[in-house]
Amino acid sequence: MPRDVFRTGEIAVICRVAPRTVFNWLDSGLLEGYRLPRSRDWRVTRESLVRFLEENGMPIRFLIEYEIEKAYKRRAKIASKKSVATSE
């Protein structure tokens, strides 16, 4: 299931850039996002991220590959927990 909101570190991985680059995009308005209240943390909606990728010639497959990888890791973690619970 696709995520609705992404953190700056995740966007850096997806776009294959340094986290500081993502902050620069956000600070300059190139990437649309919002700050969490009483925090320095940013969040970016999936819609904004897709628009940013398209407008800047970055392949959407970067996002899709990231989401697939995360889904496999979640499933492996769940399967691991189930096998530990059944072996006890």
PDB file of N, CA and C in Angstrom:
ATOM      1  N   MET A   1       0.846  -1.175   0.000  1.00  0.00           N
ATOM      2  CA  MET A   1       0.000   0.000   0.000  1.00  0.00           C
ATOM      3  C   MET A   1       0.897   1.245   0.000  1.00  0.00           C
ATOM      4  N   PRO A   2       0.687   2.140  -0.932  1.00  0.00           N
ATOM      5  CA  PRO A   2       1.536   3.338  -1.009  1.00  0.00           C
ATOM      6  C   PRO A   2       1.384   4.234   0.221  1.00  0.00           C
ATOM      7  N   ARG A   3       2.467   4.852   0.578  1.00  0.00           N
ATOM      8  CA  ARG A   3       2.449   5.787   1.699  1.00  0.00           C
ATOM      9  C   ARG A   3       1.863   7.109   1.254  1.00  0.00           C
ATOM     10  N   ASP A   4       1.265   7.824   2.208  1.00  0.00           N
ATOM     11  CA  ASP A   4       0.686   9.127   1.910  1.00  0.00           C
ATOM     12  C   ASP A   4       1.671  10.260   2.154  1.00  0.00           C
ATOM     13  N   VAL A   5       2.603  10.055   3.104  1.00  0.00           N
ATOM     14  CA  VAL A   5       3.514  11.109   3.526  1.00  0.00           C
ATOM     15  C   VAL A   5       4.919  10.529   3.657  1.00  0.00           C
ATOM     16  N   PHE A   6       5.921  11.326   3.261  1.00  0.00           N
ATOM     17  CA  PHE A   6       7.311  10.890   3.312  1.00  0.00           C
ATOM     18  C   PHE A   6       8.152  11.850   4.142  1.00  0.00           C
ATOM     19  N   ARG A   7       9.150  11.289   4.825  1.00  0.00           N
ATOM     20  CA  ARG A   7      10.114  12.086   5.578  1.00  0.00           C
ATOM     21  C   ARG A   7      11.267  12.472   4.653  1.00  0.00           C
ATOM     22  N   THR A   8      12.049  13.451   5.088  1.00  0.00           N
ATOM     23  CA  THR A   8      13.142  13.944   4.246  1.00  0.00           C
ATOM     24  C   THR A   8      14.182  12.861   3.959  1.00  0.00           C
ATOM     25  N   GLY A   9      14.477  12.024   4.931  1.00  0.00           N
ATOM     26  CA  GLY A   9      15.444  10.947   4.712  1.00  0.00           C
ATOM     27  C   GLY A   9      14.976   9.962   3.659  1.00  0.00           C
ATOM     28  N   GLU A  10      13.689   9.676   3.674  1.00  0.00           N
ATOM     29  CA  GLU A  10      13.123   8.777   2.670  1.00  0.00           C
ATOM     30  C   GLU A  10      13.195   9.402   1.277  1.00  0.00           C
ATOM     31  N   ILE A  11      12.917  10.688   1.202  1.00  0.00           N
ATOM     32  CA  ILE A  11      12.981  11.381  -0.091  1.00  0.00           C
ATOM     33  C   ILE A  11      14.409  11.390  -0.617  1.00  0.00           C
ATOM     34  N   ALA A  12      15.374  11.553   0.272  1.00  0.00           N
ATOM     35  CA  ALA A  12      16.780  11.519  -0.146  1.00  0.00           C
ATOM     36  C   ALA A  12      17.123  10.165  -0.755  1.00  0.00           C
ATOM     37  N   VAL A  13      16.642   9.092  -0.140  1.00  0.00           N
ATOM     38  CA  VAL A  13      16.892   7.743  -0.675  1.00  0.00           C
ATOM     39  C   VAL A  13      16.199   7.585  -2.029  1.00  0.00           C
ATOM     40  N   ILE A  14      14.943   8.006  -2.105  1.00  0.00           N
ATOM     41  CA  ILE A  14      14.175   7.871  -3.345  1.00  0.00           C
ATOM     42  C   ILE A  14      14.840   8.644  -4.486  1.00  0.00           C
ATOM     43  N   CYS A  15      15.246   9.870  -4.211  1.00  0.00           N
ATOM     44  CA  CYS A  15      15.829  10.732  -5.257  1.00  0.00           C
ATOM     45  C   CYS A  15      17.325  10.517  -5.443  1.00  0.00           C
ATOM     46  N   ARG A  16      17.902   9.698  -4.557  1.00  0.00           N
ATOM     47  CA  ARG A  16      19.329   9.362  -4.637  1.00  0.00           C
ATOM     48  C   ARG A  16      20.207  10.608  -4.527  1.00  0.00           C
ATOM     49  N   VAL A  17      19.889  11.399  -3.489  1.00  0.00           N
ATOM     50  CA  VAL A  17      20.650  12.607  -3.181  1.00  0.00           C
ATOM     51  C   VAL A  17      20.943  12.630  -1.681  1.00  0.00           C
ATOM     52  N   ALA A  18      21.746  13.587  -1.266  1.00  0.00           N
ATOM     53  CA  ALA A  18      22.041  13.762   0.153  1.00  0.00           C
ATOM     54  C   ALA A  18      20.831  14.394   0.851  1.00  0.00           C
ATOM     55  N   PRO A  19      20.617  14.074   2.126  1.00  0.00           N
ATOM     56  CA  PRO A  19      19.505  14.689   2.860  1.00  0.00           C
ATOM     57  C   PRO A  19      19.529  16.220   2.819  1.00  0.00           C
ATOM     58  N   ARG A  20      20.711  16.811   2.856  1.00  0.00           N
ATOM     59  CA  ARG A  20      20.815  18.264   2.815  1.00  0.00           C
ATOM     60  C   ARG A  20      20.207  18.824   1.525  1.00  0.00           C
ATOM     61  N   THR A  21      20.333  18.098   0.441  1.00  0.00           N
ATOM     62  CA  THR A  21      19.750  18.522  -0.830  1.00  0.00           C
ATOM     63  C   THR A  21      18.230  18.614  -0.717  1.00  0.00           C
ATOM     64  N   VAL A  22      17.629  17.649  -0.055  1.00  0.00           N
ATOM     65  CA  VAL A  22      16.173  17.657   0.135  1.00  0.00           C
ATOM     66  C   VAL A  22      15.764  18.885   0.950  1.00  0.00           C
ATOM     67  N   PHE A  23      16.515  19.182   2.023  1.00  0.00           N
ATOM     68  CA  PHE A  23      16.226  20.385   2.810  1.00  0.00           C
ATOM     69  C   PHE A  23      16.331  21.641   1.950  1.00  0.00           C
ATOM     70  N   ASN A  24      17.323  21.689   1.092  1.00  0.00           N
ATOM     71  CA  ASN A  24      17.478  22.844   0.203  1.00  0.00           C
ATOM     72  C   ASN A  24      16.281  22.985  -0.740  1.00  0.00           C
ATOM     73  N   TRP A  25      15.809  21.852  -1.284  1.00  0.00           N
ATOM     74  CA  TRP A  25      14.633  21.883  -2.156  1.00  0.00           C
ATOM     75  C   TRP A  25      13.416  22.407  -1.402  1.00  0.00           C
ATOM     76  N   LEU A  26      13.245  21.948  -0.160  1.00  0.00           N
ATOM     77  CA  LEU A  26      12.111  22.386   0.647  1.00  0.00           C
ATOM     78  C   LEU A  26      12.221  23.865   1.012  1.00  0.00           C
ATOM     79  N   ASP A  27      13.403  24.271   1.458  1.00  0.00           N
ATOM     80  CA  ASP A  27      13.613  25.669   1.846  1.00  0.00           C
ATOM     81  C   ASP A  27      13.407  26.633   0.681  1.00  0.00           C
ATOM     82  N   SER A  28      13.787  26.204  -0.516  1.00  0.00           N
ATOM     83  CA  SER A  28      13.662  27.079  -1.690  1.00  0.00           C
ATOM     84  C   SER A  28      12.266  27.019  -2.318  1.00  0.00           C
ATOM     85  N   GLY A  29      11.434  26.081  -1.884  1.00  0.00           N
ATOM     86  CA  GLY A  29      10.102  25.937  -2.451  1.00  0.00           C
ATOM     87  C   GLY A  29      10.047  25.066  -3.687  1.00  0.00           C
ATOM     88  N   LEU A  30      11.174  24.514  -4.083  1.00  0.00           N
ATOM     89  CA  LEU A  30      11.204  23.631  -5.252  1.00  0.00           C
ATOM     90  C   LEU A  30      10.388  22.363  -4.989  1.00  0.00           C
ATOM     91  N   LEU A  31      10.449  21.876  -3.764  1.00  0.00           N
ATOM     92  CA  LEU A  31       9.667  20.717  -3.322  1.00  0.00           C
ATOM     93  C   LEU A  31       8.688  21.221  -2.278  1.00  0.00           C
ATOM     94  N   GLU A  32       7.413  20.925  -2.484  1.00  0.00           N
ATOM     95  CA  GLU A  32       6.372  21.390  -1.569  1.00  0.00           C
ATOM     96  C   GLU A  32       6.235  20.428  -0.401  1.00  0.00           C
ATOM     97  N   GLY A  33       6.275  20.971   0.803  1.00  0.00           N
ATOM     98  CA  GLY A  33       6.123  20.165   1.999  1.00  0.00           C
ATOM     99  C   GLY A  33       5.656  21.025   3.157  1.00  0.00           C
ATOM    100  N   TYR A  34       5.599  20.433   4.338  1.00  0.00           N
ATOM    101  CA  TYR A  34       5.193  21.193   5.510  1.00  0.00           C
ATOM    102  C   TYR A  34       6.023  20.754   6.706  1.00  0.00           C
ATOM    103  N   ARG A  35       6.175  21.680   7.628  1.00  0.00           N
ATOM    104  CA  ARG A  35       6.924  21.406   8.853  1.00  0.00           C
ATOM    105  C   ARG A  35       5.967  20.920   9.928  1.00  0.00           C
ATOM    106  N   LEU A  36       6.439  19.992  10.727  1.00  0.00           N
ATOM    107  CA  LEU A  36       5.646  19.537  11.860  1.00  0.00           C
ATOM    108  C   LEU A  36       5.663  20.609  12.946  1.00  0.00           C
ATOM    109  N   PRO A  37       4.550  20.792  13.641  1.00  0.00           N
ATOM    110  CA  PRO A  37       4.504  21.810  14.696  1.00  0.00           C
ATOM    111  C   PRO A  37       5.582  21.591  15.748  1.00  0.00           C
ATOM    112  N   ARG A  38       6.206  22.671  16.173  1.00  0.00           N
ATOM    113  CA  ARG A  38       7.253  22.669  17.201  1.00  0.00           C
ATOM    114  C   ARG A  38       8.381  21.688  16.881  1.00  0.00           C
ATOM    115  N   SER A  39       8.721  21.606  15.611  1.00  0.00           N
ATOM    116  CA  SER A  39       9.754  20.674  15.164  1.00  0.00           C
ATOM    117  C   SER A  39      10.471  21.252  13.959  1.00  0.00           C
ATOM    118  N   ARG A  40      11.654  20.727  13.701  1.00  0.00           N
ATOM    119  CA  ARG A  40      12.374  21.109  12.490  1.00  0.00           C
ATOM    120  C   ARG A  40      12.143  20.087  11.378  1.00  0.00           C
ATOM    121  N   ASP A  41      11.357  19.054  11.662  1.00  0.00           N
ATOM    122  CA  ASP A  41      11.104  17.979  10.707  1.00  0.00           C
ATOM    123  C   ASP A  41      10.099  18.392   9.639  1.00  0.00           C
ATOM    124  N   TRP A  42      10.367  17.935   8.433  1.00  0.00           N
ATOM    125  CA  TRP A  42       9.497  18.180   7.289  1.00  0.00           C
ATOM    126  C   TRP A  42       8.762  16.906   6.905  1.00  0.00           C
ATOM    127  N   ARG A  43       7.606  17.073   6.273  1.00  0.00           N
ATOM    128  CA  ARG A  43       6.876  15.980   5.658  1.00  0.00           C
ATOM    129  C   ARG A  43       6.439  16.424   4.270  1.00  0.00           C
ATOM    130  N   VAL A  44       6.387  15.472   3.344  1.00  0.00           N
ATOM    131  CA  VAL A  44       6.003  15.754   1.964  1.00  0.00           C
ATOM    132  C   VAL A  44       4.955  14.727   1.561  1.00  0.00           C
ATOM    133  N   THR A  45       3.858  15.201   0.989  1.00  0.00           N
ATOM    134  CA  THR A  45       2.812  14.275   0.556  1.00  0.00           C
ATOM    135  C   THR A  45       3.279  13.512  -0.687  1.00  0.00           C
ATOM    136  N   ARG A  46       2.681  12.362  -0.888  1.00  0.00           N
ATOM    137  CA  ARG A  46       3.009  11.547  -2.060  1.00  0.00           C
ATOM    138  C   ARG A  46       2.732  12.334  -3.340  1.00  0.00           C
ATOM    139  N   GLU A  47       1.613  13.048  -3.356  1.00  0.00           N
ATOM    140  CA  GLU A  47       1.240  13.856  -4.523  1.00  0.00           C
ATOM    141  C   GLU A  47       2.312  14.901  -4.842  1.00  0.00           C
ATOM    142  N   SER A  48       2.808  15.588  -3.814  1.00  0.00           N
ATOM    143  CA  SER A  48       3.857  16.596  -4.028  1.00  0.00           C
ATOM    144  C   SER A  48       5.146  15.958  -4.520  1.00  0.00           C
ATOM    145  N   LEU A  49       5.476  14.793  -3.966  1.00  0.00           N
ATOM    146  CA  LEU A  49       6.698  14.101  -4.368  1.00  0.00           C
ATOM    147  C   LEU A  49       6.616  13.651  -5.821  1.00  0.00           C
ATOM    148  N   VAL A  50       5.480  13.077  -6.206  1.00  0.00           N
ATOM    149  CA  VAL A  50       5.305  12.637  -7.601  1.00  0.00           C
ATOM    150  C   VAL A  50       5.402  13.831  -8.540  1.00  0.00           C
ATOM    151  N   ARG A  51       4.758  14.933  -8.191  1.00  0.00           N
ATOM    152  CA  ARG A  51       4.823  16.144  -9.017  1.00  0.00           C
ATOM    153  C   ARG A  51       6.271  16.625  -9.145  1.00  0.00           C
ATOM    154  N   PHE A  52       6.990  16.626  -8.025  1.00  0.00           N
ATOM    155  CA  PHE A  52       8.390  17.059  -8.029  1.00  0.00           C
ATOM    156  C   PHE A  52       9.235  16.166  -8.943  1.00  0.00           C
ATOM    157  N   LEU A  53       9.056  14.859  -8.828  1.00  0.00           N
ATOM    158  CA  LEU A  53       9.825  13.935  -9.668  1.00  0.00           C
ATOM    159  C   LEU A  53       9.549  14.197 -11.149  1.00  0.00           C
ATOM    160  N   GLU A  54       8.277  14.342 -11.490  1.00  0.00           N
ATOM    161  CA  GLU A  54       7.905  14.577 -12.885  1.00  0.00           C
ATOM    162  C   GLU A  54       8.461  15.900 -13.409  1.00  0.00           C
ATOM    163  N   GLU A  55       8.322  16.961 -12.617  1.00  0.00           N
ATOM    164  CA  GLU A  55       8.761  18.289 -13.055  1.00  0.00           C
ATOM    165  C   GLU A  55      10.279  18.394 -13.186  1.00  0.00           C
ATOM    166  N   ASN A  56      10.997  17.535 -12.488  1.00  0.00           N
ATOM    167  CA  ASN A  56      12.459  17.618 -12.495  1.00  0.00           C
ATOM    168  C   ASN A  56      13.122  16.460 -13.233  1.00  0.00           C
ATOM    169  N   GLY A  57      12.322  15.753 -14.026  1.00  0.00           N
ATOM    170  CA  GLY A  57      12.867  14.706 -14.889  1.00  0.00           C
ATOM    171  C   GLY A  57      13.428  13.504 -14.164  1.00  0.00           C
ATOM    172  N   MET A  58      12.957  13.269 -12.949  1.00  0.00           N
ATOM    173  CA  MET A  58      13.411  12.089 -12.200  1.00  0.00           C
ATOM    174  C   MET A  58      12.397  10.972 -12.430  1.00  0.00           C
ATOM    175  N   PRO A  59      12.875   9.757 -12.627  1.00  0.00           N
ATOM    176  CA  PRO A  59      11.953   8.647 -12.905  1.00  0.00           C
ATOM    177  C   PRO A  59      11.040   8.324 -11.722  1.00  0.00           C
ATOM    178  N   ILE A  60       9.770   8.147 -12.008  1.00  0.00           N
ATOM    179  CA  ILE A  60       8.808   7.732 -10.986  1.00  0.00           C
ATOM    180  C   ILE A  60       9.176   6.335 -10.467  1.00  0.00           C
ATOM    181  N   ARG A  61       9.891   5.575 -11.275  1.00  0.00           N
ATOM    182  CA  ARG A  61      10.271   4.223 -10.846  1.00  0.00           C
ATOM    183  C   ARG A  61      11.119   4.259  -9.577  1.00  0.00           C
ATOM    184  N   PHE A  62      11.833   5.369  -9.314  1.00  0.00           N
ATOM    185  CA  PHE A  62      12.594   5.478  -8.065  1.00  0.00           C
ATOM    186  C   PHE A  62      11.650   5.342  -6.871  1.00  0.00           C
ATOM    187  N   LEU A  63      10.499   6.008  -6.947  1.00  0.00           N
ATOM    188  CA  LEU A  63       9.505   5.943  -5.880  1.00  0.00           C
ATOM    189  C   LEU A  63       8.893   4.546  -5.804  1.00  0.00           C
ATOM    190  N   ILE A  64       8.558   3.993  -6.949  1.00  0.00           N
ATOM    191  CA  ILE A  64       7.945   2.659  -6.988  1.00  0.00           C
ATOM    192  C   ILE A  64       8.898   1.608  -6.434  1.00  0.00           C
ATOM    193  N   GLU A  65      10.159   1.664  -6.831  1.00  0.00           N
ATOM    194  CA  GLU A  65      11.156   0.718  -6.323  1.00  0.00           C
ATOM    195  C   GLU A  65      11.306   0.834  -4.809  1.00  0.00           C
ATOM    196  N   TYR A  66      11.301   2.062  -4.304  1.00  0.00           N
ATOM    197  CA  TYR A  66      11.413   2.288  -2.870  1.00  0.00           C
ATOM    198  C   TYR A  66      10.224   1.669  -2.143  1.00  0.00           C
ATOM    199  N   GLU A  67       9.015   1.891  -2.668  1.00  0.00           N
ATOM    200  CA  GLU A  67       7.817   1.350  -2.028  1.00  0.00           C
ATOM    201  C   GLU A  67       7.792  -0.173  -2.067  1.00  0.00           C
ATOM    202  N   ILE A  68       8.237  -0.768  -3.148  1.00  0.00           N
ATOM    203  CA  ILE A  68       8.297  -2.233  -3.242  1.00  0.00           C
ATOM    204  C   ILE A  68       9.288  -2.783  -2.231  1.00  0.00           C
ATOM    205  N   GLU A  69      10.462  -2.164  -2.140  1.00  0.00           N
ATOM    206  CA  GLU A  69      11.479  -2.604  -1.190  1.00  0.00           C
ATOM    207  C   GLU A  69      10.966  -2.528   0.246  1.00  0.00           C
ATOM    208  N   LYS A  70      10.294  -1.431   0.585  1.00  0.00           N
ATOM    209  CA  LYS A  70       9.742  -1.272   1.929  1.00  0.00           C
ATOM    210  C   LYS A  70       8.683  -2.335   2.211  1.00  0.00           C
ATOM    211  N   ALA A  71       7.848  -2.652   1.217  1.00  0.00           N
ATOM    212  CA  ALA A  71       6.803  -3.667   1.393  1.00  0.00           C
ATOM    213  C   ALA A  71       7.417  -5.041   1.646  1.00  0.00           C
ATOM    214  N   TYR A  72       8.464  -5.390   0.910  1.00  0.00           N
ATOM    215  CA  TYR A  72       9.136  -6.673   1.122  1.00  0.00           C
ATOM    216  C   TYR A  72       9.740  -6.752   2.523  1.00  0.00           C
ATOM    217  N   LYS A  73      10.341  -5.656   2.963  1.00  0.00           N
ATOM    218  CA  LYS A  73      10.946  -5.640   4.297  1.00  0.00           C
ATOM    219  C   LYS A  73       9.890  -5.790   5.380  1.00  0.00           C
ATOM    220  N   ARG A  74       8.723  -5.122   5.199  1.00  0.00           N
ATOM    221  CA  ARG A  74       7.634  -5.252   6.174  1.00  0.00           C
ATOM    222  C   ARG A  74       7.137  -6.683   6.229  1.00  0.00           C
ATOM    223  N   ARG A  75       6.947  -7.291   5.067  1.00  0.00           N
ATOM    224  CA  ARG A  75       6.465  -8.682   5.025  1.00  0.00           C
ATOM    225  C   ARG A  75       7.467  -9.631   5.664  1.00  0.00           C
ATOM    226  N   ALA A  76       8.740  -9.428   5.404  1.00  0.00           N
ATOM    227  CA  ALA A  76       9.773 -10.286   5.994  1.00  0.00           C
ATOM    228  C   ALA A  76       9.791 -10.140   7.505  1.00  0.00           C
ATOM    229  N   LYS A  77       9.603  -8.930   7.986  1.00  0.00           N
ATOM    230  CA  LYS A  77       9.588  -8.681   9.428  1.00  0.00           C
ATOM    231  C   LYS A  77       8.387  -9.372  10.075  1.00  0.00           C
ATOM    232  N   ILE A  78       7.224  -9.273   9.438  1.00  0.00           N
ATOM    233  CA  ILE A  78       6.015  -9.924   9.954  1.00  0.00           C
ATOM    234  C   ILE A  78       6.189 -11.437   9.950  1.00  0.00           C
ATOM    235  N   ALA A  79       6.729 -11.975   8.857  1.00  0.00           N
ATOM    236  CA  ALA A  79       6.944 -13.424   8.764  1.00  0.00           C
ATOM    237  C   ALA A  79       7.923 -13.897   9.826  1.00  0.00           C
ATOM    238  N   SER A  80       8.937 -13.108  10.082  1.00  0.00           N
ATOM    239  CA  SER A  80       9.926 -13.453  11.102  1.00  0.00           C
ATOM    240  C   SER A  80       9.285 -13.489  12.483  1.00  0.00           C
ATOM    241  N   LYS A  81       8.438 -12.526  12.787  1.00  0.00           N
ATOM    242  CA  LYS A  81       7.755 -12.487  14.072  1.00  0.00           C
ATOM    243  C   LYS A  81       6.827 -13.685  14.234  1.00  0.00           C
ATOM    244  N   LYS A  82       6.142 -14.057  13.151  1.00  0.00           N
ATOM    245  CA  LYS A  82       5.235 -15.206  13.199  1.00  0.00           C
ATOM    246  C   LYS A  82       5.998 -16.497  13.448  1.00  0.00           C
ATOM    247  N   SER A  83       7.150 -16.661  12.797  1.00  0.00           N
ATOM    248  CA  SER A  83       7.914 -17.897  12.973  1.00  0.00           C
ATOM    249  C   SER A  83       8.503 -17.976  14.381  1.00  0.00           C
ATOM    250  N   VAL A  84       8.865 -16.849  14.967  1.00  0.00           N
ATOM    251  CA  VAL A  84       9.369 -16.849  16.340  1.00  0.00           C
ATOM    252  C   VAL A  84       8.238 -17.197  17.293  1.00  0.00           C
ATOM    253  N   ALA A  85       7.046 -16.650  17.063  1.00  0.00           N
ATOM    254  CA  ALA A  85       5.902 -16.904  17.937  1.00  0.00           C
ATOM    255  C   ALA A  85       5.467 -18.369  17.874  1.00  0.00           C
ATOM    256  N   THR A  86       5.523 -18.985  16.697  1.00  0.00           N
ATOM    257  CA  THR A  86       5.099 -20.387  16.577  1.00  0.00           C
ATOM    258  C   THR A  86       6.139 -21.346  17.105  1.00  0.00           C
ATOM    259  N   SER A  87       7.395 -20.938  17.152  1.00  0.00           N
ATOM    260  CA  SER A  87       8.442 -21.846  17.649  1.00  0.00           C
ATOM    261  C   SER A  87       8.562 -21.822  19.156  1.00  0.00           C
ATOM    262  N   GLU A  88       7.906 -20.884  19.807  1.00  0.00           N
ATOM    263  CA  GLU A  88       8.002 -20.806  21.271  1.00  0.00           C
ATOM    264  C   GLU A  88       6.997 -21.675  21.961  1.00  0.00           C
TER     265      GLU A  88
END
